[in-house]
Protein backbone atom coordinates (compact mmCIF):
# COMPACT_ATOMS: atom_id res chain seq x y z
CA MET A 1 -17.74 37.91 -5.24
CA MET A 2 -21.31 38.14 -4.26
CA HIS A 3 -22.17 41.08 -1.50
CA PHE A 4 -25.43 40.60 -0.22
CA THR A 5 -27.24 43.64 2.58
CA PHE A 6 -30.65 42.04 4.23
CA ILE A 7 -32.36 45.06 6.99
CA THR A 8 -35.15 43.65 8.87
CA HIS A 9 -36.71 45.90 12.40
CA VAL A 10 -38.59 44.21 14.79
CA ASP A 11 -40.33 45.81 17.41
CA ALA A 12 -37.72 44.89 20.54
CA ASN A 13 -34.79 45.80 23.25
CA ILE A 14 -31.95 44.93 21.26
CA ASN A 15 -31.25 42.58 24.14
CA GLU A 16 -34.28 40.48 23.64
CA VAL A 17 -33.10 40.03 20.21
CA SER A 18 -29.98 39.17 21.16
CA ARG A 19 -31.00 36.34 23.91
CA ASN A 20 -33.80 35.03 21.22
CA PHE A 21 -30.50 34.45 18.52
CA ASN A 22 -29.49 30.89 19.13
CA ARG A 23 -29.85 28.09 18.24
CA GLU A 24 -33.76 27.13 17.36
CA LEU A 25 -34.27 30.76 16.25
CA LEU A 26 -31.50 28.78 13.94
CA ILE A 27 -33.67 25.93 13.37
CA LYS A 28 -36.53 27.71 12.50
CA LEU A 29 -34.52 29.95 9.75
CA LYS A 30 -34.32 26.05 7.71
CA PRO A 31 -35.52 27.76 4.65
CA PRO A 32 -39.02 25.43 3.52
CA LEU A 33 -37.61 22.56 0.97
CA VAL A 34 -34.71 22.10 2.61
CA LYS A 35 -33.95 19.40 5.07
CA MET A 36 -31.90 20.58 7.62
CA ASN A 37 -29.29 18.17 10.53
CA LEU A 38 -27.90 20.23 13.57
CA LEU A 39 -25.30 18.42 14.53
CA ARG A 40 -23.14 21.39 16.38
CA TYR A 41 -23.75 24.71 17.39
CA ASP A 42 -21.47 26.46 20.34
CA GLY A 43 -22.57 29.68 20.66
CA GLN A 44 -21.84 33.21 18.91
CA ILE A 45 -18.22 33.64 20.33
CA THR A 46 -15.16 33.78 18.38
CA GLY A 47 -14.14 30.36 18.17
CA ASN A 48 -17.42 28.73 18.11
CA GLN A 49 -17.79 26.04 15.61
CA LEU A 50 -20.82 24.94 13.78
CA SER A 51 -22.06 22.15 11.83
CA PHE A 52 -24.86 21.08 9.80
CA GLN A 53 -26.21 18.24 7.25
CA ILE A 54 -28.47 19.35 4.85
CA GLY A 55 -30.01 18.38 2.15
CA ILE A 56 -32.81 18.52 -1.01
CA GLY A 57 -34.31 14.94 -1.84
CA PRO A 58 -32.06 12.32 -1.07
CA MET A 59 -28.64 13.96 -1.85
CA LYS A 60 -27.10 15.02 1.87
CA GLN A 61 -24.30 17.07 1.77
CA GLN A 62 -21.56 18.55 5.07
CA TRP A 63 -21.38 22.47 5.85
CA ASP A 64 -18.73 23.60 8.69
CA GLY A 65 -18.06 27.04 9.95
CA ILE A 66 -16.80 28.57 12.40
CA ILE A 67 -17.35 32.41 14.43
CA THR A 68 -14.68 34.55 12.87
CA ALA A 69 -15.44 37.60 14.18
CA HIS A 70 -18.00 39.26 17.95
CA ARG A 71 -18.42 42.45 19.53
CA TYR A 72 -21.57 42.93 21.87
CA THR A 73 -22.13 46.46 23.29
CA LYS A 74 -24.85 48.30 23.91
CA LYS A 75 -26.43 49.69 21.21
CA ASP A 76 -25.32 47.48 18.46
CA TRP A 77 -25.03 43.29 18.63
CA LEU A 78 -22.95 41.16 15.33
CA PHE A 79 -21.05 37.97 14.97
CA ARG A 80 -19.75 36.52 11.73
CA ASP A 81 -19.51 32.74 10.25
CA GLU A 82 -17.47 32.11 8.47
CA GLY A 83 -17.42 28.17 5.83
CA ILE A 84 -15.32 25.76 7.17
CA LYS A 85 -17.01 22.64 4.31
CA LEU A 86 -19.02 24.30 2.42
CA PRO A 87 -21.38 21.89 0.06
CA HIS A 88 -21.03 21.84 -3.31
CA PRO A 89 -20.94 24.52 -5.54
CA LEU A 90 -20.24 26.91 -2.33
CA LYS A 91 -16.54 28.02 -2.13
CA THR A 92 -16.56 31.38 0.20
CA TRP A 93 -18.59 32.08 2.94
CA LYS A 94 -19.32 35.17 5.05
CA HIS A 95 -21.99 35.76 7.45
CA THR A 96 -22.26 39.05 9.56
CA HIS A 97 -25.74 39.11 11.51
CA ALA A 98 -26.01 42.61 13.02
CA LEU A 99 -27.95 44.01 15.96
CA LYS A 100 -28.53 47.53 15.60
CA SER A 101 -30.49 49.00 18.65
CA ILE A 102 -32.49 52.03 16.72
CA THR A 103 -34.54 52.75 20.27
CA GLU A 104 -35.77 51.69 23.20
CA HIS A 105 -38.26 48.71 21.79
CA SER A 106 -36.07 48.83 18.11
CA THR A 107 -33.84 47.16 16.62
CA LEU A 108 -32.75 46.14 13.37
CA ILE A 109 -31.43 43.29 12.37
CA ILE A 110 -28.96 42.81 9.69
CA ASP A 111 -27.30 40.09 6.97
CA ARG A 112 -24.87 40.72 5.43
CA LEU A 113 -23.79 37.78 3.27
CA LYS A 114 -20.42 37.46 1.18
CA PHE A 115 -20.16 34.29 -1.26
CA GLU A 116 -18.30 32.81 -4.60
CA GLY A 117 -18.87 29.20 -6.09
CA LYS A 118 -16.25 27.33 -7.23
CA ASN A 119 -16.35 29.69 -10.60
CA ARG A 120 -18.53 32.41 -11.99
CA PHE A 121 -21.64 30.21 -13.34
CA PHE A 122 -21.89 29.19 -9.55
CA THR A 123 -21.32 32.44 -7.93
CA LEU A 124 -24.50 33.07 -10.46
CA LEU A 125 -26.79 30.66 -10.09
CA LEU A 126 -26.26 30.42 -6.03
CA CYS A 127 -28.00 34.33 -6.48
CA LEU A 128 -31.45 33.80 -6.58
CA PRO A 129 -32.23 30.57 -3.43
CA PHE A 130 -29.75 33.15 -0.54
CA ILE A 131 -31.62 36.09 -2.61
CA ALA A 132 -33.98 33.99 -1.26
CA MET A 133 -33.62 32.44 2.01
CA PHE A 134 -32.82 36.03 3.08
CA LEU A 135 -35.81 38.00 2.34
CA MET A 136 -37.85 34.71 3.82
CA ARG A 137 -35.91 35.93 6.81
CA LYS A 138 -37.44 38.48 7.36
CA PRO A 139 -41.45 37.59 8.62
CA LEU A 140 -39.80 34.12 10.60
CA TYR A 141 -37.47 37.04 12.22
CA LYS A 142 -40.86 39.55 13.03
CA LYS A 143 -42.75 36.39 14.37
CA HIS A 144 -40.33 34.73 16.83
CA LEU A 145 -38.29 38.03 17.62
CA SER A 146 -40.78 40.78 18.36
CA THR A 147 -42.55 41.03 21.44
CA ARG A 148 -45.25 43.84 20.30
């Protein structure tokens, strides 16, 4: 299983950031070149589900997930989505979205990603696209979540 952590600093209060961590942000975070149709988005509470269809060119695959954990306090906030039905060649997917309050006007967004392909080759093959995808999120987080 591969593990990666990506940290982004945004100039906004944790309450403002968490309020805008929603369906609209998920759509804005869509990687370029990937078609995405959001089919279901219940929210970020344990038991909520999400589902979308993704595709590159004419290929389309289903991605279904469930929120398996959440915690919200004044200083930190997180939820974890896990894959139920994943596109080929993914075998497992766990993504923890966390926010940590740094100051009254400053928040860290922490993406912790764990995934595994159907075999070692696919696991290694998926590393570069996922690293690129999460690095591309950093300026999008800043653009859509910073208030200063």
